[in-house]
């Protein structure tokens, strides 16, 4: 199993899509900080106070990025290509022929996806604080509250990437994987919102969509909700993919 995990980690890290999307992710962090700094200077020059422009500090710029959806979109592309390449190359047959089960194959891929997701999250964090320091943007003391908020947002992102992985393993075609993993986060929230409007229920189904819970991470009172919803997504999609892939025909 360890050899399989190492193999899958090497496969995903050597992908061109991984490197390209990681560069884009970090570039977006830099652009966001430069834009915030520029707007802040404009406000100060116009006679305003720096404190009037909310969000210009290291923690808020970082939280704004990881909850904004860009990082999950880029990860969706990396994961879709990662799983799709196995189908086009036919390497899964060779792995299964070596005695590994489909469950072990999927588990090793999930571990690889989690590792890559953490790389995106951590590199964005380091670069964000480094750029804020260079640009002279306020760097708040890193408190336990900040750590909990970042941790809850990261768990939500992990839950979404596991959902992408499950869908990709079930579909198992690069083009279809990309379409599914990009369109579902865009269209499903609209469908859930429409359902809430039509049902007129006090409990809104759209509030339990994983990306919606990610944006709640700035509110510490919502942390328990985020943890519960994210954990449920992880469990459901791992179990669903495990059941369905056992019946899936590998061509």
C-alpha atoms as a PDB file:
ATOM      1  CA  UNK A   1       0.000   0.000   0.000  1.00  0.00           C
ATOM      2  CA  UNK A   2       2.863   2.388   0.820  1.00  0.00           C
ATOM      3  CA  UNK A   3       4.389   1.769  -2.609  1.00  0.00           C
ATOM      4  CA  UNK A   4       1.041   2.504  -4.250  1.00  0.00           C
ATOM      5  CA  UNK A   5       0.643   5.756  -2.300  1.00  0.00           C
ATOM      6  CA  UNK A   6       4.165   6.847  -3.298  1.00  0.00           C
ATOM      7  CA  UNK A   7       3.381   5.988  -6.917  1.00  0.00           C
ATOM      8  CA  UNK A   8       0.162   8.025  -6.907  1.00  0.00           C
ATOM      9  CA  UNK A   9       1.839  10.972  -5.187  1.00  0.00           C
ATOM     10  CA  UNK A  10       4.533  10.950  -7.850  1.00  0.00           C
ATOM     11  CA  UNK A  11       1.915  10.721 -10.604  1.00  0.00           C
ATOM     12  CA  UNK A  12      -0.107  13.718  -9.441  1.00  0.00           C
ATOM     13  CA  UNK A  13       2.891  15.889  -8.570  1.00  0.00           C
ATOM     14  CA  UNK A  14       4.546  15.384 -11.965  1.00  0.00           C
ATOM     15  CA  UNK A  15       1.375  16.429 -13.810  1.00  0.00           C
ATOM     16  CA  UNK A  16       1.707  19.632 -15.821  1.00  0.00           C
ATOM     17  CA  UNK A  17      -1.796  20.614 -14.724  1.00  0.00           C
ATOM     18  CA  UNK A  18      -0.710  20.495 -11.073  1.00  0.00           C
ATOM     19  CA  UNK A  19       2.224  22.852 -11.595  1.00  0.00           C
ATOM     20  CA  UNK A  20       0.274  25.211 -13.877  1.00  0.00           C
ATOM     21  CA  UNK A  21      -2.729  25.425 -11.544  1.00  0.00           C
ATOM     22  CA  UNK A  22      -0.470  25.898  -8.498  1.00  0.00           C
ATOM     23  CA  UNK A  23       1.276  28.805 -10.247  1.00  0.00           C
ATOM     24  CA  UNK A  24      -2.091  30.322 -11.184  1.00  0.00           C
ATOM     25  CA  UNK A  25      -3.324  29.889  -7.612  1.00  0.00           C
ATOM     26  CA  UNK A  26      -0.318  31.702  -6.153  1.00  0.00           C
ATOM     27  CA  UNK A  27      -0.513  34.369  -8.864  1.00  0.00           C
ATOM     28  CA  UNK A  28      -4.114  35.057  -7.850  1.00  0.00           C
ATOM     29  CA  UNK A  29      -2.971  35.479  -4.242  1.00  0.00           C
ATOM     30  CA  UNK A  30      -0.390  38.075  -5.332  1.00  0.00           C
ATOM     31  CA  UNK A  31      -2.858  39.890  -7.600  1.00  0.00           C
ATOM     32  CA  UNK A  32      -5.449  40.025  -4.823  1.00  0.00           C
ATOM     33  CA  UNK A  33      -2.974  41.544  -2.354  1.00  0.00           C
ATOM     34  CA  UNK A  34      -1.683  44.068  -4.893  1.00  0.00           C
ATOM     35  CA  UNK A  35      -5.257  45.091  -5.713  1.00  0.00           C
ATOM     36  CA  UNK A  36      -6.144  45.447  -2.020  1.00  0.00           C
ATOM     37  CA  UNK A  37      -3.024  47.504  -1.374  1.00  0.00           C
ATOM     38  CA  UNK A  38      -3.715  49.727  -4.374  1.00  0.00           C
ATOM     39  CA  UNK A  39      -7.322  50.376  -3.332  1.00  0.00           C
ATOM     40  CA  UNK A  40      -6.210  51.080   0.208  1.00  0.00           C
ATOM     41  CA  UNK A  41      -3.682  53.672  -0.974  1.00  0.00           C
ATOM     42  CA  UNK A  42      -6.357  55.322  -3.122  1.00  0.00           C
ATOM     43  CA  UNK A  43      -8.609  55.658  -0.069  1.00  0.00           C
ATOM     44  CA  UNK A  44      -5.798  57.137   2.022  1.00  0.00           C
ATOM     45  CA  UNK A  45      -4.879  59.610  -0.731  1.00  0.00           C
ATOM     46  CA  UNK A  46      -8.536  60.628  -0.969  1.00  0.00           C
ATOM     47  CA  UNK A  47      -8.424  61.635   2.680  1.00  0.00           C
ATOM     48  CA  UNK A  48      -9.859  58.480   4.188  1.00  0.00           C
ATOM     49  CA  UNK A  49      -8.482  56.368   6.991  1.00  0.00           C
ATOM     50  CA  UNK A  50      -6.717  53.103   6.378  1.00  0.00           C
ATOM     51  CA  UNK A  51      -9.016  51.530   8.937  1.00  0.00           C
ATOM     52  CA  UNK A  52     -12.033  52.429   6.808  1.00  0.00           C
ATOM     53  CA  UNK A  53     -11.048  49.931   4.157  1.00  0.00           C
ATOM     54  CA  UNK A  54     -12.042  46.621   5.632  1.00  0.00           C
ATOM     55  CA  UNK A  55     -10.163  43.501   4.708  1.00  0.00           C
ATOM     56  CA  UNK A  56      -6.688  44.953   4.294  1.00  0.00           C
ATOM     57  CA  UNK A  57      -4.827  42.703   6.670  1.00  0.00           C
ATOM     58  CA  UNK A  58      -3.042  39.419   6.128  1.00  0.00           C
ATOM     59  CA  UNK A  59      -5.660  37.157   7.680  1.00  0.00           C
ATOM     60  CA  UNK A  60      -8.644  38.659   5.854  1.00  0.00           C
ATOM     61  CA  UNK A  61      -6.926  38.639   2.475  1.00  0.00           C
ATOM     62  CA  UNK A  62      -6.071  34.967   2.947  1.00  0.00           C
ATOM     63  CA  UNK A  63      -9.555  33.985   4.084  1.00  0.00           C
ATOM     64  CA  UNK A  64     -11.003  35.955   1.191  1.00  0.00           C
ATOM     65  CA  UNK A  65      -8.923  33.889  -1.197  1.00  0.00           C
ATOM     66  CA  UNK A  66      -9.512  30.373   0.122  1.00  0.00           C
ATOM     67  CA  UNK A  67     -13.257  30.964   0.532  1.00  0.00           C
ATOM     68  CA  UNK A  68     -13.638  32.709  -2.817  1.00  0.00           C
ATOM     69  CA  UNK A  69     -13.900  29.551  -4.935  1.00  0.00           C
ATOM     70  CA  UNK A  70     -10.812  30.023  -7.110  1.00  0.00           C
ATOM     71  CA  UNK A  71      -8.741  27.464  -5.248  1.00  0.00           C
ATOM     72  CA  UNK A  72     -11.450  24.770  -5.525  1.00  0.00           C
ATOM     73  CA  UNK A  73     -11.901  25.507  -9.238  1.00  0.00           C
ATOM     74  CA  UNK A  74      -8.191  24.970  -9.877  1.00  0.00           C
ATOM     75  CA  UNK A  75      -8.156  21.828  -7.747  1.00  0.00           C
ATOM     76  CA  UNK A  76     -11.164  20.522  -9.703  1.00  0.00           C
ATOM     77  CA  UNK A  77      -9.116  20.783 -12.909  1.00  0.00           C
ATOM     78  CA  UNK A  78      -6.080  19.050 -11.383  1.00  0.00           C
ATOM     79  CA  UNK A  79      -8.180  16.222  -9.923  1.00  0.00           C
ATOM     80  CA  UNK A  80     -10.211  15.720 -13.114  1.00  0.00           C
ATOM     81  CA  UNK A  81      -7.071  15.346 -15.236  1.00  0.00           C
ATOM     82  CA  UNK A  82      -5.386  13.191 -12.571  1.00  0.00           C
ATOM     83  CA  UNK A  83      -8.202  10.626 -12.525  1.00  0.00           C
ATOM     84  CA  UNK A  84      -8.919  10.882 -16.246  1.00  0.00           C
ATOM     85  CA  UNK A  85      -5.313  10.151 -17.195  1.00  0.00           C
ATOM     86  CA  UNK A  86      -5.559   6.764 -15.480  1.00  0.00           C
ATOM     87  CA  UNK A  87      -8.413   5.813 -17.772  1.00  0.00           C
ATOM     88  CA  UNK A  88      -6.711   7.014 -20.957  1.00  0.00           C
ATOM     89  CA  UNK A  89      -3.369   5.380 -20.058  1.00  0.00           C
ATOM     90  CA  UNK A  90      -4.961   2.173 -18.788  1.00  0.00           C
ATOM     91  CA  UNK A  91      -2.648   2.055 -15.770  1.00  0.00           C
ATOM     92  CA  UNK A  92      -5.403   0.925 -13.404  1.00  0.00           C
ATOM     93  CA  UNK A  93      -5.389  -2.502 -15.037  1.00  0.00           C
ATOM     94  CA  UNK A  94      -1.696  -2.880 -14.305  1.00  0.00           C
ATOM     95  CA  UNK A  95      -2.156  -1.819 -10.687  1.00  0.00           C
ATOM     96  CA  UNK A  96      -5.026  -4.227 -10.108  1.00  0.00           C
ATOM     97  CA  UNK A  97      -2.996  -6.962 -11.801  1.00  0.00           C
ATOM     98  CA  UNK A  98      -0.316  -6.482  -9.137  1.00  0.00           C
ATOM     99  CA  UNK A  99      -2.796  -7.523  -6.456  1.00  0.00           C
ATOM    100  CA  UNK A 100      -4.139  -4.162  -5.318  1.00  0.00           C
ATOM    101  CA  UNK A 101      -7.891  -3.832  -4.883  1.00  0.00           C
ATOM    102  CA  UNK A 102      -9.999  -1.029  -6.315  1.00  0.00           C
ATOM    103  CA  UNK A 103     -10.548   0.243  -2.775  1.00  0.00           C
ATOM    104  CA  UNK A 104      -6.786   0.475  -2.215  1.00  0.00           C
ATOM    105  CA  UNK A 105      -6.381   2.167  -5.587  1.00  0.00           C
ATOM    106  CA  UNK A 106      -9.050   4.760  -4.761  1.00  0.00           C
ATOM    107  CA  UNK A 107      -7.707   5.247  -1.219  1.00  0.00           C
ATOM    108  CA  UNK A 108      -4.203   5.954  -2.497  1.00  0.00           C
ATOM    109  CA  UNK A 109      -5.621   8.495  -4.911  1.00  0.00           C
ATOM    110  CA  UNK A 110      -7.653  10.178  -2.155  1.00  0.00           C
ATOM    111  CA  UNK A 111      -4.504  10.481  -0.031  1.00  0.00           C
ATOM    112  CA  UNK A 112      -2.700  12.032  -3.007  1.00  0.00           C
ATOM    113  CA  UNK A 113      -5.552  14.488  -3.559  1.00  0.00           C
ATOM    114  CA  UNK A 114      -5.543  15.483   0.124  1.00  0.00           C
ATOM    115  CA  UNK A 115      -1.771  16.041  -0.051  1.00  0.00           C
ATOM    116  CA  UNK A 116      -2.090  18.249  -3.135  1.00  0.00           C
ATOM    117  CA  UNK A 117      -4.997  20.183  -1.597  1.00  0.00           C
ATOM    118  CA  UNK A 118      -2.886  20.927   1.469  1.00  0.00           C
ATOM    119  CA  UNK A 119      -0.046  22.106  -0.806  1.00  0.00           C
ATOM    120  CA  UNK A 120      -2.417  24.623  -2.446  1.00  0.00           C
ATOM    121  CA  UNK A 121      -3.736  25.811   0.931  1.00  0.00           C
ATOM    122  CA  UNK A 122      -0.338  26.090   2.645  1.00  0.00           C
ATOM    123  CA  UNK A 123       1.526  27.726  -0.249  1.00  0.00           C
ATOM    124  CA  UNK A 124      -1.262  30.298  -0.515  1.00  0.00           C
ATOM    125  CA  UNK A 125      -0.976  30.934   3.238  1.00  0.00           C
ATOM    126  CA  UNK A 126       2.805  31.383   3.185  1.00  0.00           C
ATOM    127  CA  UNK A 127       2.792  33.539   0.051  1.00  0.00           C
ATOM    128  CA  UNK A 128      -0.111  35.626   1.359  1.00  0.00           C
ATOM    129  CA  UNK A 129       1.651  36.553   4.602  1.00  0.00           C
ATOM    130  CA  UNK A 130       4.976  37.074   2.808  1.00  0.00           C
ATOM    131  CA  UNK A 131       3.406  39.456   0.281  1.00  0.00           C
ATOM    132  CA  UNK A 132       1.518  41.319   3.003  1.00  0.00           C
ATOM    133  CA  UNK A 133       4.792  41.784   4.866  1.00  0.00           C
ATOM    134  CA  UNK A 134       6.527  43.090   1.719  1.00  0.00           C
ATOM    135  CA  UNK A 135       3.634  45.421   0.863  1.00  0.00           C
ATOM    136  CA  UNK A 136       3.433  46.758   4.411  1.00  0.00           C
ATOM    137  CA  UNK A 137      -0.079  45.398   4.950  1.00  0.00           C
ATOM    138  CA  UNK A 138      -1.059  44.758   8.545  1.00  0.00           C
ATOM    139  CA  UNK A 139      -0.042  41.283   9.742  1.00  0.00           C
ATOM    140  CA  UNK A 140      -2.222  40.399  12.698  1.00  0.00           C
ATOM    141  CA  UNK A 141      -0.971  38.135  15.445  1.00  0.00           C
ATOM    142  CA  UNK A 142      -1.860  34.560  14.518  1.00  0.00           C
ATOM    143  CA  UNK A 143      -4.364  33.543  17.177  1.00  0.00           C
ATOM    144  CA  UNK A 144      -6.129  30.275  17.987  1.00  0.00           C
ATOM    145  CA  UNK A 145      -9.317  31.779  16.557  1.00  0.00           C
ATOM    146  CA  UNK A 146      -7.580  32.366  13.223  1.00  0.00           C
ATOM    147  CA  UNK A 147      -6.220  28.835  13.224  1.00  0.00           C
ATOM    148  CA  UNK A 148      -9.710  27.389  13.839  1.00  0.00           C
ATOM    149  CA  UNK A 149     -11.196  29.467  11.021  1.00  0.00           C
ATOM    150  CA  UNK A 150      -8.486  28.428   8.572  1.00  0.00           C
ATOM    151  CA  UNK A 151      -8.808  24.811   9.698  1.00  0.00           C
ATOM    152  CA  UNK A 152     -12.578  24.760   9.179  1.00  0.00           C
ATOM    153  CA  UNK A 153     -12.275  26.371   5.740  1.00  0.00           C
ATOM    154  CA  UNK A 154      -9.556  23.858   4.819  1.00  0.00           C
ATOM    155  CA  UNK A 155     -11.762  20.952   5.908  1.00  0.00           C
ATOM    156  CA  UNK A 156     -14.550  22.253   3.675  1.00  0.00           C
ATOM    157  CA  UNK A 157     -12.149  22.482   0.747  1.00  0.00           C
ATOM    158  CA  UNK A 158     -10.936  18.937   1.442  1.00  0.00           C
ATOM    159  CA  UNK A 159     -14.544  17.729   1.489  1.00  0.00           C
ATOM    160  CA  UNK A 160     -15.133  19.324  -1.896  1.00  0.00           C
ATOM    161  CA  UNK A 161     -11.973  17.852  -3.405  1.00  0.00           C
ATOM    162  CA  UNK A 162     -13.016  14.410  -2.184  1.00  0.00           C
ATOM    163  CA  UNK A 163     -16.353  14.995  -3.896  1.00  0.00           C
ATOM    164  CA  UNK A 164     -14.453  15.878  -7.095  1.00  0.00           C
ATOM    165  CA  UNK A 165     -12.384  12.706  -6.690  1.00  0.00           C
ATOM    166  CA  UNK A 166     -15.440  10.516  -6.234  1.00  0.00           C
ATOM    167  CA  UNK A 167     -17.164  11.944  -9.305  1.00  0.00           C
ATOM    168  CA  UNK A 168     -13.967  11.654 -11.351  1.00  0.00           C
ATOM    169  CA  UNK A 169     -13.428   8.024 -10.373  1.00  0.00           C
ATOM    170  CA  UNK A 170     -17.024   7.156 -11.242  1.00  0.00           C
ATOM    171  CA  UNK A 171     -16.999   9.003 -14.595  1.00  0.00           C
ATOM    172  CA  UNK A 172     -13.311   8.242 -15.317  1.00  0.00           C
ATOM    173  CA  UNK A 173     -12.957  10.339 -18.473  1.00  0.00           C
ATOM    174  CA  UNK A 174     -10.909  13.530 -18.436  1.00  0.00           C
ATOM    175  CA  UNK A 175     -13.277  15.730 -20.454  1.00  0.00           C
ATOM    176  CA  UNK A 176     -16.396  14.539 -18.660  1.00  0.00           C
ATOM    177  CA  UNK A 177     -14.615  14.851 -15.299  1.00  0.00           C
ATOM    178  CA  UNK A 178     -13.763  18.492 -15.924  1.00  0.00           C
ATOM    179  CA  UNK A 179     -17.277  19.317 -17.091  1.00  0.00           C
ATOM    180  CA  UNK A 180     -18.870  17.613 -14.079  1.00  0.00           C
ATOM    181  CA  UNK A 181     -16.500  19.068 -11.480  1.00  0.00           C
ATOM    182  CA  UNK A 182     -16.798  22.600 -12.845  1.00  0.00           C
ATOM    183  CA  UNK A 183     -20.503  22.650 -13.715  1.00  0.00           C
ATOM    184  CA  UNK A 184     -21.812  20.993 -10.538  1.00  0.00           C
ATOM    185  CA  UNK A 185     -20.404  23.688  -8.171  1.00  0.00           C
ATOM    186  CA  UNK A 186     -21.832  26.342 -10.507  1.00  0.00           C
ATOM    187  CA  UNK A 187     -25.271  24.919 -11.268  1.00  0.00           C
ATOM    188  CA  UNK A 188     -26.196  22.928  -8.156  1.00  0.00           C
ATOM    189  CA  UNK A 189     -26.285  25.978  -5.822  1.00  0.00           C
ATOM    190  CA  UNK A 190     -28.705  27.670  -8.234  1.00  0.00           C
ATOM    191  CA  UNK A 191     -30.916  24.589  -8.266  1.00  0.00           C
ATOM    192  CA  UNK A 192     -30.854  24.361  -4.459  1.00  0.00           C
ATOM    193  CA  UNK A 193     -31.706  28.066  -4.133  1.00  0.00           C
ATOM    194  CA  UNK A 194     -34.624  27.605  -6.518  1.00  0.00           C
ATOM    195  CA  UNK A 195     -35.766  24.629  -4.445  1.00  0.00           C
ATOM    196  CA  UNK A 196     -35.657  26.773  -1.300  1.00  0.00           C
ATOM    197  CA  UNK A 197     -37.777  29.448  -2.980  1.00  0.00           C
ATOM    198  CA  UNK A 198     -40.361  26.964  -4.204  1.00  0.00           C
ATOM    199  CA  UNK A 199     -40.562  25.005  -0.938  1.00  0.00           C
ATOM    200  CA  UNK A 200     -40.758  28.147   1.249  1.00  0.00           C
ATOM    201  CA  UNK A 201     -39.311  26.087   4.086  1.00  0.00           C
ATOM    202  CA  UNK A 202     -37.576  27.681   7.061  1.00  0.00           C
ATOM    203  CA  UNK A 203     -34.710  25.216   6.620  1.00  0.00           C
ATOM    204  CA  UNK A 204     -32.782  26.165   3.481  1.00  0.00           C
ATOM    205  CA  UNK A 205     -31.258  23.245   1.630  1.00  0.00           C
ATOM    206  CA  UNK A 206     -28.776  25.584  -0.094  1.00  0.00           C
ATOM    207  CA  UNK A 207     -27.183  26.350   3.288  1.00  0.00           C
ATOM    208  CA  UNK A 208     -25.868  22.782   3.389  1.00  0.00           C
ATOM    209  CA  UNK A 209     -24.043  22.998   0.066  1.00  0.00           C
ATOM    210  CA  UNK A 210     -20.326  22.537   0.771  1.00  0.00           C
ATOM    211  CA  UNK A 211     -19.154  25.804  -0.815  1.00  0.00           C
ATOM    212  CA  UNK A 212     -21.790  27.714   1.141  1.00  0.00           C
ATOM    213  CA  UNK A 213     -20.458  26.302   4.408  1.00  0.00           C
ATOM    214  CA  UNK A 214     -16.904  27.219   3.362  1.00  0.00           C
ATOM    215  CA  UNK A 215     -17.830  30.902   3.263  1.00  0.00           C
ATOM    216  CA  UNK A 216     -19.201  30.637   6.812  1.00  0.00           C
ATOM    217  CA  UNK A 217     -15.748  29.952   8.241  1.00  0.00           C
ATOM    218  CA  UNK A 218     -15.247  33.640   9.072  1.00  0.00           C
ATOM    219  CA  UNK A 219     -18.033  33.331  11.624  1.00  0.00           C
ATOM    220  CA  UNK A 220     -16.719  31.262  14.547  1.00  0.00           C
ATOM    221  CA  UNK A 221     -20.281  30.529  15.718  1.00  0.00           C
ATOM    222  CA  UNK A 222     -20.786  28.553  12.489  1.00  0.00           C
ATOM    223  CA  UNK A 223     -17.703  26.350  12.965  1.00  0.00           C
ATOM    224  CA  UNK A 224     -19.692  23.363  14.362  1.00  0.00           C
ATOM    225  CA  UNK A 225     -21.981  23.479  11.299  1.00  0.00           C
ATOM    226  CA  UNK A 226     -18.973  23.531   8.977  1.00  0.00           C
ATOM    227  CA  UNK A 227     -17.359  20.578  10.737  1.00  0.00           C
ATOM    228  CA  UNK A 228     -20.556  18.496  10.638  1.00  0.00           C
ATOM    229  CA  UNK A 229     -21.415  19.275   7.001  1.00  0.00           C
ATOM    230  CA  UNK A 230     -17.836  18.754   5.781  1.00  0.00           C
ATOM    231  CA  UNK A 231     -17.510  15.452   7.627  1.00  0.00           C
ATOM    232  CA  UNK A 232     -20.822  14.252   6.187  1.00  0.00           C
ATOM    233  CA  UNK A 233     -19.677  15.118   2.643  1.00  0.00           C
ATOM    234  CA  UNK A 234     -16.416  13.241   3.147  1.00  0.00           C
ATOM    235  CA  UNK A 235     -18.127  10.126   4.523  1.00  0.00           C
ATOM    236  CA  UNK A 236     -20.946  10.093   1.959  1.00  0.00           C
ATOM    237  CA  UNK A 237     -18.723  10.500  -1.105  1.00  0.00           C
ATOM    238  CA  UNK A 238     -16.108   8.022   0.055  1.00  0.00           C
ATOM    239  CA  UNK A 239     -18.802   5.407   0.773  1.00  0.00           C
ATOM    240  CA  UNK A 240     -20.662   6.177  -2.463  1.00  0.00           C
ATOM    241  CA  UNK A 241     -17.549   5.903  -4.609  1.00  0.00           C
ATOM    242  CA  UNK A 242     -16.446   2.759  -2.783  1.00  0.00           C
ATOM    243  CA  UNK A 243     -19.769   1.033  -3.494  1.00  0.00           C
ATOM    244  CA  UNK A 244     -20.080   2.157  -7.104  1.00  0.00           C
ATOM    245  CA  UNK A 245     -16.485   1.523  -8.153  1.00  0.00           C
ATOM    246  CA  UNK A 246     -16.700  -2.106  -7.055  1.00  0.00           C
ATOM    247  CA  UNK A 247     -19.353  -2.559  -9.721  1.00  0.00           C
ATOM    248  CA  UNK A 248     -17.647  -0.397 -12.322  1.00  0.00           C
ATOM    249  CA  UNK A 249     -16.229  -2.115 -15.387  1.00  0.00           C
ATOM    250  CA  UNK A 250     -12.605  -1.181 -16.014  1.00  0.00           C
ATOM    251  CA  UNK A 251     -11.906  -1.020 -19.746  1.00  0.00           C
END
